[in-house]
Amino acid sequence: MNHVCFAAYASEVVPLPLRSACTATLQMCWAFGSIIVGAVTYVLNQRTDQWAYRIPLAVQWAFPTPLLILMWFAPESPWWLIRKGRKAEALKSIERLGRSSMQNSAEIVAMMSRTVEIEAALTKRPTYMDLLRGTDLRRTLITCFIYAGQNFAGNLIANQAVFFFVRECDRRPVSCCISAWS
């Protein structure tokens, strides 16, 4: 969900040369988050008191909390505002995003409005059944198999690795330590 929302928002408000950097930053944050989770779990795995679960729960809110606060200050997407018929707010959003350097902001709003009108005239209201027809079926299958591929590759097992390590190390502690460090 986060991947989709961030990418969609970035595609509408971030200037084109910076979009790839925004997407790469998101992926990098997911990677750093995995490292932090591993480190916190490793440090706290020997604790037997209530802080063994309270600290990881508190740490997982360290990053989303400031983002939730900053989200209130993020500008609305001008495309979304135009699709909702709020052109005056779209104009303010475009000016706030700094896109007035190349063209007049009013011209940009007019161009966006015309694009939305053309899209509305050329397309009918989609249904869920449209996902299972023609090229949309192909796109749906590709997307589903990409997400399923993560699980087929062992993502579910990797996220439960602590359970398997503890289980295996209780049976054969020497071989477990050797295989963990090799």
Foldseek 3Di string as FASTA:
>chain_A
DVLVVQLVQCVQQPPPVCSVVSNVVVVVVVVVVVVVVVVLLVVLVPDDDPVSPVVVVVVVVPPVVVVVVCVVVQQDRLLVCLLVVNLVSSLVSCVVSPVPPPHHSVVVSVVSNVVSVVVPVVDDDDDPVVCCDDVSVVVVVVVVCVVVVCVVVPVVVVVVVVVVLVVVCVVPVVVSVVVVVD
